[in-house]
C-alpha atoms as a PDB file:
ATOM      1  CA  MET A   1      85.568 106.550 109.418  1.00  0.00           C
ATOM      2  CA  ASP A   2      86.075 109.759 107.474  1.00  0.00           C
ATOM      3  CA  ALA A   3      84.368 109.755 104.042  1.00  0.00           C
ATOM      4  CA  ALA A   4      87.689 110.337 102.251  1.00  0.00           C
ATOM      5  CA  LEU A   5      89.257 107.385 104.053  1.00  0.00           C
ATOM      6  CA  GLN A   6      86.241 105.264 103.147  1.00  0.00           C
ATOM      7  CA  GLU A   7      86.733 106.158  99.491  1.00  0.00           C
ATOM      8  CA  LEU A   8      90.427 105.274  99.742  1.00  0.00           C
ATOM      9  CA  ALA A   9      89.539 101.924 101.311  1.00  0.00           C
ATOM     10  CA  LEU A  10      87.047 101.238  98.525  1.00  0.00           C
ATOM     11  CA  ALA A  11      89.538 102.244  95.813  1.00  0.00           C
ATOM     12  CA  THR A  12      92.268 100.095  97.350  1.00  0.00           C
ATOM     13  CA  ALA A  13      89.924  97.112  97.667  1.00  0.00           C
ATOM     14  CA  THR A  14      88.912  97.555  94.025  1.00  0.00           C
ATOM     15  CA  PHE A  15      92.568  97.651  92.967  1.00  0.00           C
ATOM     16  CA  VAL A  16      93.505  94.563  94.992  1.00  0.00           C
ATOM     17  CA  LEU A  17      90.436  92.438  94.259  1.00  0.00           C
ATOM     18  CA  GLY A  18      90.386  93.551  90.621  1.00  0.00           C
ATOM     19  CA  HIS A  19      93.808  91.967  90.127  1.00  0.00           C
ATOM     20  CA  LEU A  20      92.891  88.716  91.833  1.00  0.00           C
ATOM     21  CA  VAL A  21      89.410  88.299  90.371  1.00  0.00           C
ATOM     22  CA  LEU A  22      90.190  89.251  86.766  1.00  0.00           C
ATOM     23  CA  SER A  23      93.325  87.088  86.692  1.00  0.00           C
ATOM     24  CA  SER A  24      91.629  84.015  88.178  1.00  0.00           C
ATOM     25  CA  LEU A  25      91.166  81.203  85.667  1.00  0.00           C
ATOM     26  CA  HIS A  26      87.406  80.986  86.315  1.00  0.00           C
ATOM     27  CA  VAL A  27      86.978  84.593  85.190  1.00  0.00           C
ATOM     28  CA  ARG A  28      89.931  84.949  82.823  1.00  0.00           C
ATOM     29  CA  ARG A  29      89.169  82.003  80.534  1.00  0.00           C
ATOM     30  CA  PRO A  30      85.547  82.949  79.671  1.00  0.00           C
ATOM     31  CA  LEU A  31      86.606  86.553  79.044  1.00  0.00           C
ATOM     32  CA  ILE A  32      89.455  85.463  76.766  1.00  0.00           C
ATOM     33  CA  ALA A  33      87.038  83.216  74.878  1.00  0.00           C
ATOM     34  CA  ARG A  34      84.776  86.210  74.300  1.00  0.00           C
ATOM     35  CA  LEU A  35      87.302  89.041  73.852  1.00  0.00           C
ATOM     36  CA  GLY A  36      90.381  87.203  72.630  1.00  0.00           C
ATOM     37  CA  GLU A  37      93.782  87.257  74.345  1.00  0.00           C
ATOM     38  CA  ASN A  38      94.665  90.797  73.239  1.00  0.00           C
ATOM     39  CA  GLY A  39      91.179  92.113  73.940  1.00  0.00           C
ATOM     40  CA  PHE A  40      91.234  90.675  77.444  1.00  0.00           C
ATOM     41  CA  ARG A  41      94.666  92.111  78.194  1.00  0.00           C
ATOM     42  CA  GLY A  42      93.549  95.522  76.951  1.00  0.00           C
ATOM     43  CA  ALA A  43      90.385  95.471  79.071  1.00  0.00           C
ATOM     44  CA  TYR A  44      92.309  94.146  82.072  1.00  0.00           C
ATOM     45  CA  SER A  45      94.978  96.840  81.786  1.00  0.00           C
ATOM     46  CA  LEU A  46      92.357  99.573  81.419  1.00  0.00           C
ATOM     47  CA  ALA A  47      90.393  98.394  84.462  1.00  0.00           C
ATOM     48  CA  ILE A  48      93.446  98.000  86.693  1.00  0.00           C
ATOM     49  CA  THR A  49      94.939 101.330  85.584  1.00  0.00           C
ATOM     50  CA  ALA A  50      91.652 103.091  86.334  1.00  0.00           C
ATOM     51  CA  ALA A  51      91.535 101.507  89.805  1.00  0.00           C
ATOM     52  CA  PHE A  52      95.170 102.445  90.422  1.00  0.00           C
ATOM     53  CA  VAL A  53      94.625 106.094  89.438  1.00  0.00           C
ATOM     54  CA  TRP A  54      91.488 106.233  91.588  1.00  0.00           C
ATOM     55  CA  MET A  55      93.459 104.844  94.532  1.00  0.00           C
ATOM     56  CA  LEU A  56      96.228 107.427  94.130  1.00  0.00           C
ATOM     57  CA  PHE A  57      93.800 110.346  93.903  1.00  0.00           C
ATOM     58  CA  ALA A  58      91.883 109.040  96.919  1.00  0.00           C
ATOM     59  CA  TYR A  59      95.132 108.753  98.863  1.00  0.00           C
ATOM     60  CA  ALA A  60      96.102 112.319  97.977  1.00  0.00           C
ATOM     61  CA  ALA A  61      92.685 113.574  99.134  1.00  0.00           C
ATOM     62  CA  ALA A  62      92.599 111.591 102.377  1.00  0.00           C
ATOM     63  CA  PRO A  63      93.173 113.422 105.666  1.00  0.00           C
ATOM     64  CA  PHE A  64      96.285 112.825 107.746  1.00  0.00           C
ATOM     65  CA  VAL A  65      95.200 110.756 110.745  1.00  0.00           C
ATOM     66  CA  PRO A  66      98.254 109.620 112.740  1.00  0.00           C
ATOM     67  CA  LEU A  67      97.945 106.219 114.383  1.00  0.00           C
ATOM     68  CA  TRP A  68     101.299 105.937 116.158  1.00  0.00           C
ATOM     69  CA  ALA A  69     104.764 107.499 116.010  1.00  0.00           C
ATOM     70  CA  PRO A  70     107.532 105.255 114.648  1.00  0.00           C
ATOM     71  CA  PRO A  71     110.976 105.403 116.290  1.00  0.00           C
ATOM     72  CA  ASP A  72     113.306 107.849 114.575  1.00  0.00           C
ATOM     73  CA  GLY A  73     115.664 105.100 113.435  1.00  0.00           C
ATOM     74  CA  MET A  74     112.901 103.372 111.480  1.00  0.00           C
ATOM     75  CA  ARG A  75     112.653 106.349 109.144  1.00  0.00           C
ATOM     76  CA  TRP A  76     115.860 105.170 107.459  1.00  0.00           C
ATOM     77  CA  ILE A  77     114.248 101.875 106.426  1.00  0.00           C
ATOM     78  CA  PRO A  78     112.937 103.081 103.010  1.00  0.00           C
ATOM     79  CA  VAL A  79     116.291 104.706 102.219  1.00  0.00           C
ATOM     80  CA  LEU A  80     118.040 101.388 102.806  1.00  0.00           C
ATOM     81  CA  VAL A  81     115.406  99.061 101.346  1.00  0.00           C
ATOM     82  CA  MET A  82     114.537 100.909  98.132  1.00  0.00           C
ATOM     83  CA  PRO A  83     117.788 100.094  96.243  1.00  0.00           C
ATOM     84  CA  VAL A  84     117.016  96.389  96.710  1.00  0.00           C
ATOM     85  CA  SER A  85     113.377  96.889  95.734  1.00  0.00           C
ATOM     86  CA  LEU A  86     114.346  98.792  92.586  1.00  0.00           C
ATOM     87  CA  LEU A  87     116.904  96.155  91.571  1.00  0.00           C
ATOM     88  CA  LEU A  88     114.211  93.489  91.825  1.00  0.00           C
ATOM     89  CA  LEU A  89     111.839  95.620  89.734  1.00  0.00           C
ATOM     90  CA  VAL A  90     114.476  96.325  87.062  1.00  0.00           C
ATOM     91  CA  CYS A  91     115.353  92.631  86.879  1.00  0.00           C
ATOM     92  CA  ALA A  92     111.672  91.692  86.697  1.00  0.00           C
ATOM     93  CA  PHE A  93     111.103  93.863  83.637  1.00  0.00           C
ATOM     94  CA  THR A  94     114.289  92.793  81.840  1.00  0.00           C
ATOM     95  CA  THR A  95     114.495  89.048  82.571  1.00  0.00           C
ATOM     96  CA  ARG A  96     112.612  86.209  80.901  1.00  0.00           C
ATOM     97  CA  ASN A  97     110.188  85.156  83.602  1.00  0.00           C
ATOM     98  CA  VAL A  98     107.494  82.477  83.546  1.00  0.00           C
ATOM     99  CA  THR A  99     105.679  84.166  86.429  1.00  0.00           C
ATOM    100  CA  ALA A 100     105.305  87.455  84.540  1.00  0.00           C
ATOM    101  CA  VAL A 101     102.240  88.362  82.464  1.00  0.00           C
ATOM    102  CA  GLY A 102     101.997  85.830  79.634  1.00  0.00           C
ATOM    103  CA  GLY A 103     104.939  83.901  81.043  1.00  0.00           C
ATOM    104  CA  GLU A 104     103.133  80.592  80.787  1.00  0.00           C
ATOM    105  CA  ASN A 105     103.235  80.982  76.994  1.00  0.00           C
ATOM    106  CA  LEU A 106     107.016  81.275  76.765  1.00  0.00           C
ATOM    107  CA  GLY A 107     108.567  78.596  74.614  1.00  0.00           C
ATOM    108  CA  PRO A 108     111.069  76.016  75.883  1.00  0.00           C
ATOM    109  CA  VAL A 109     114.489  77.353  76.890  1.00  0.00           C
ATOM    110  CA  THR A 110     117.750  75.860  78.126  1.00  0.00           C
ATOM    111  CA  ASP A 111     117.486  77.689  81.457  1.00  0.00           C
ATOM    112  CA  PRO A 112     113.933  78.452  82.642  1.00  0.00           C
ATOM    113  CA  THR A 113     115.208  80.294  85.727  1.00  0.00           C
ATOM    114  CA  PRO A 114     117.907  82.782  84.688  1.00  0.00           C
ATOM    115  CA  GLY A 115     119.341  85.639  86.714  1.00  0.00           C
ATOM    116  CA  ILE A 116     117.024  87.038  89.357  1.00  0.00           C
ATOM    117  CA  MET A 117     114.777  83.968  89.129  1.00  0.00           C
ATOM    118  CA  ARG A 118     117.375  82.022  91.130  1.00  0.00           C
ATOM    119  CA  ILE A 119     116.866  84.470  94.000  1.00  0.00           C
ATOM    120  CA  THR A 120     113.057  84.671  93.810  1.00  0.00           C
ATOM    121  CA  ARG A 121     110.619  83.567  91.143  1.00  0.00           C
ATOM    122  CA  HIS A 122     108.489  86.642  91.825  1.00  0.00           C
ATOM    123  CA  PRO A 123     110.958  89.546  91.530  1.00  0.00           C
ATOM    124  CA  PHE A 124     108.317  92.153  90.681  1.00  0.00           C
ATOM    125  CA  LEU A 125     105.975  91.234  93.525  1.00  0.00           C
ATOM    126  CA  VAL A 126     108.799  90.863  96.059  1.00  0.00           C
ATOM    127  CA  GLY A 127     110.091  94.279  95.002  1.00  0.00           C
ATOM    128  CA  ALA A 128     106.610  95.771  95.363  1.00  0.00           C
ATOM    129  CA  ALA A 129     106.197  94.090  98.757  1.00  0.00           C
ATOM    130  CA  LEU A 130     109.494  95.559  99.983  1.00  0.00           C
ATOM    131  CA  TRP A 131     108.438  99.016  98.764  1.00  0.00           C
ATOM    132  CA  ALA A 132     105.067  98.757 100.504  1.00  0.00           C
ATOM    133  CA  ALA A 133     106.438  97.296 103.746  1.00  0.00           C
ATOM    134  CA  ALA A 134     109.218  99.878 104.035  1.00  0.00           C
ATOM    135  CA  HIS A 135     106.790 102.751 103.572  1.00  0.00           C
ATOM    136  CA  LEU A 136     104.179 101.148 105.806  1.00  0.00           C
ATOM    137  CA  LEU A 137     106.643 101.016 108.705  1.00  0.00           C
ATOM    138  CA  THR A 138     107.464 104.714 108.438  1.00  0.00           C
ATOM    139  CA  ASN A 139     104.170 106.263 107.293  1.00  0.00           C
ATOM    140  CA  THR A 140     102.026 105.414 110.278  1.00  0.00           C
ATOM    141  CA  ASP A 141      98.835 107.278 109.401  1.00  0.00           C
ATOM    142  CA  ALA A 142      95.461 105.802 108.479  1.00  0.00           C
ATOM    143  CA  ALA A 143      95.626 106.588 104.748  1.00  0.00           C
ATOM    144  CA  SER A 144      99.118 105.078 104.395  1.00  0.00           C
ATOM    145  CA  LEU A 145      98.032 101.990 106.325  1.00  0.00           C
ATOM    146  CA  ILE A 146      95.227 101.466 103.811  1.00  0.00           C
ATOM    147  CA  LEU A 147      97.301 102.158 100.685  1.00  0.00           C
ATOM    148  CA  PHE A 148     100.559 100.411 101.532  1.00  0.00           C
ATOM    149  CA  GLY A 149      98.783  97.657 103.429  1.00  0.00           C
ATOM    150  CA  GLY A 150      96.633  96.977 100.371  1.00  0.00           C
ATOM    151  CA  VAL A 151      99.646  96.810  98.059  1.00  0.00           C
ATOM    152  CA  LEU A 152     101.473  94.519 100.490  1.00  0.00           C
ATOM    153  CA  ALA A 153      98.449  92.216 100.720  1.00  0.00           C
ATOM    154  CA  LEU A 154      98.140  92.150  96.926  1.00  0.00           C
ATOM    155  CA  ALA A 155     101.823  91.269  96.514  1.00  0.00           C
ATOM    156  CA  GLY A 156     101.577  88.377  98.967  1.00  0.00           C
ATOM    157  CA  ALA A 157      98.318  87.015  97.604  1.00  0.00           C
ATOM    158  CA  GLY A 158      99.525  87.555  94.044  1.00  0.00           C
ATOM    159  CA  MET A 159     102.527  85.257  94.506  1.00  0.00           C
ATOM    160  CA  LEU A 160     100.339  82.425  95.775  1.00  0.00           C
ATOM    161  CA  HIS A 161      97.764  83.089  93.072  1.00  0.00           C
ATOM    162  CA  ILE A 162     100.309  83.052  90.236  1.00  0.00           C
ATOM    163  CA  ASP A 163     101.905  79.840  91.501  1.00  0.00           C
ATOM    164  CA  HIS A 164      98.479  78.191  91.583  1.00  0.00           C
ATOM    165  CA  ARG A 165      97.687  79.303  88.017  1.00  0.00           C
ATOM    166  CA  ARG A 166     101.078  78.233  86.658  1.00  0.00           C
ATOM    167  CA  ARG A 167     100.708  74.747  88.152  1.00  0.00           C
ATOM    168  CA  ILE A 168      97.492  74.396  86.161  1.00  0.00           C
ATOM    169  CA  THR A 169      98.423  76.132  82.906  1.00  0.00           C
ATOM    170  CA  MET A 170     102.031  74.943  82.573  1.00  0.00           C
ATOM    171  CA  GLY A 171     101.570  71.358  83.774  1.00  0.00           C
ATOM    172  CA  SER A 172     104.841  69.433  83.942  1.00  0.00           C
ATOM    173  CA  ASP A 173     106.826  72.462  82.719  1.00  0.00           C
ATOM    174  CA  TRP A 174     106.121  74.144  86.054  1.00  0.00           C
ATOM    175  CA  GLY A 175     107.918  71.408  88.021  1.00  0.00           C
ATOM    176  CA  PRO A 176     111.529  72.429  87.225  1.00  0.00           C
ATOM    177  CA  VAL A 177     110.700  76.064  87.976  1.00  0.00           C
ATOM    178  CA  ALA A 178     109.037  75.302  91.323  1.00  0.00           C
ATOM    179  CA  LEU A 179     111.822  72.911  92.373  1.00  0.00           C
ATOM    180  CA  THR A 180     114.729  75.254  91.603  1.00  0.00           C
ATOM    181  CA  THR A 181     113.245  78.586  92.717  1.00  0.00           C
ATOM    182  CA  SER A 182     111.529  80.024  95.765  1.00  0.00           C
ATOM    183  CA  VAL A 183     109.091  82.752  96.686  1.00  0.00           C
ATOM    184  CA  VAL A 184     111.231  83.798  99.675  1.00  0.00           C
ATOM    185  CA  PRO A 185     114.428  85.413  98.364  1.00  0.00           C
ATOM    186  CA  PHE A 186     117.531  83.183  98.527  1.00  0.00           C
ATOM    187  CA  LEU A 187     115.629  80.240 100.046  1.00  0.00           C
ATOM    188  CA  ALA A 188     116.202  77.958  97.042  1.00  0.00           C
ATOM    189  CA  ILE A 189     119.906  78.863  97.106  1.00  0.00           C
ATOM    190  CA  ALA A 190     120.192  78.349 100.875  1.00  0.00           C
ATOM    191  CA  THR A 191     118.578  74.907 100.642  1.00  0.00           C
ATOM    192  CA  GLY A 192     120.850  73.820  97.798  1.00  0.00           C
ATOM    193  CA  ARG A 193     118.117  73.602  95.148  1.00  0.00           C
ATOM    194  CA  THR A 194     119.893  76.049  92.849  1.00  0.00           C
ATOM    195  CA  ARG A 195     122.969  78.242  92.587  1.00  0.00           C
ATOM    196  CA  PRO A 196     123.191  82.014  92.121  1.00  0.00           C
ATOM    197  CA  ASP A 197     123.369  83.338  88.566  1.00  0.00           C
ATOM    198  CA  TRP A 198     125.111  86.671  89.123  1.00  0.00           C
ATOM    199  CA  ARG A 199     126.080  86.933  85.469  1.00  0.00           C
ATOM    200  CA  GLY A 200     122.412  86.557  84.554  1.00  0.00           C
ATOM    201  CA  ILE A 201     121.622  89.547  86.750  1.00  0.00           C
ATOM    202  CA  GLY A 202     124.467  91.601  85.330  1.00  0.00           C
ATOM    203  CA  LEU A 203     126.120  94.788  86.506  1.00  0.00           C
ATOM    204  CA  TRP A 204     124.123  96.862  84.038  1.00  0.00           C
ATOM    205  CA  ARG A 205     120.881  96.081  85.896  1.00  0.00           C
ATOM    206  CA  VAL A 206     122.509  97.121  89.168  1.00  0.00           C
ATOM    207  CA  ALA A 207     123.620 100.376  87.514  1.00  0.00           C
ATOM    208  CA  VAL A 208     120.112 101.072  86.167  1.00  0.00           C
ATOM    209  CA  ALA A 209     118.560 100.415  89.584  1.00  0.00           C
ATOM    210  CA  LEU A 210     121.033 102.746  91.303  1.00  0.00           C
ATOM    211  CA  ALA A 211     120.404 105.447  88.704  1.00  0.00           C
ATOM    212  CA  VAL A 212     116.644 105.211  89.263  1.00  0.00           C
ATOM    213  CA  TYR A 213     117.222 105.260  93.025  1.00  0.00           C
ATOM    214  CA  LEU A 214     119.317 108.437  92.850  1.00  0.00           C
ATOM    215  CA  LEU A 215     116.707 110.057  90.623  1.00  0.00           C
ATOM    216  CA  LEU A 216     113.970 109.198  93.119  1.00  0.00           C
ATOM    217  CA  LEU A 217     115.996 110.721  95.941  1.00  0.00           C
ATOM    218  CA  VAL A 218     116.136 113.973  93.975  1.00  0.00           C
ATOM    219  CA  VAL A 219     112.491 114.134  92.855  1.00  0.00           C
ATOM    220  CA  HIS A 220     110.825 112.581  95.912  1.00  0.00           C
ATOM    221  CA  GLN A 221     110.196 115.827  97.767  1.00  0.00           C
ATOM    222  CA  PRO A 222     109.079 117.870  94.705  1.00  0.00           C
ATOM    223  CA  LEU A 223     106.714 115.085  93.602  1.00  0.00           C
ATOM    224  CA  PHE A 224     105.369 113.829  96.927  1.00  0.00           C
ATOM    225  CA  GLY A 225     105.994 116.760  99.242  1.00  0.00           C
ATOM    226  CA  VAL A 226     108.075 114.691 101.672  1.00  0.00           C
ATOM    227  CA  SER A 227     111.848 114.313 101.891  1.00  0.00           C
ATOM    228  CA  PRO A 228     113.040 110.712 101.536  1.00  0.00           C
ATOM    229  CA  PHE A 229     115.465 111.353 104.393  1.00  0.00           C
ATOM    230  CA  PRO A 230     114.474 111.536 108.081  1.00  0.00           C
END
């Protein structure tokens, strides 16, 4: 393997494993005991940000090694998927969420699963997974396979990892969340375990997501050197 691709693989592995290892209870709890909650979060954020920046620079420096040619129609997948991905991300950052960072410390509320939580209890990770999968299907070179494949693997493992931690840290409070939500979007609704909360999502979040989407369409080629359209 080319040296630049090896560096990208190492950076991506560091980014993925850094998330999972540092957030595991066996590592997290001793570090919090030594650094304090805020100290741990600061060190965690610094380490993950450094790994993320390293991964991006390694991706930019990696050679283009095509692996296969996707059908022309598949190139529309990111254009169609990204509005949904961005809506999930906007909702994740603006909705009270027990699966978000520090979510296990949220106090009791009348509705523990508002808005987007009825659709999936991991809106950020599902949104990231959609972003990675859509780009993985259309960027079929070795560097993209490593980068987007790594992010997709992290999103999938992260959902399972967070659920495991919340079962331990939240105890009985996790039960109502697990019973009335799902990892797979709309599964809890389809199986009758909950009902949609469209008002909790709100039109303003849809408007913000569409605005971000339109902005990305405009700046995608100047920033990344590739048109978002086929």
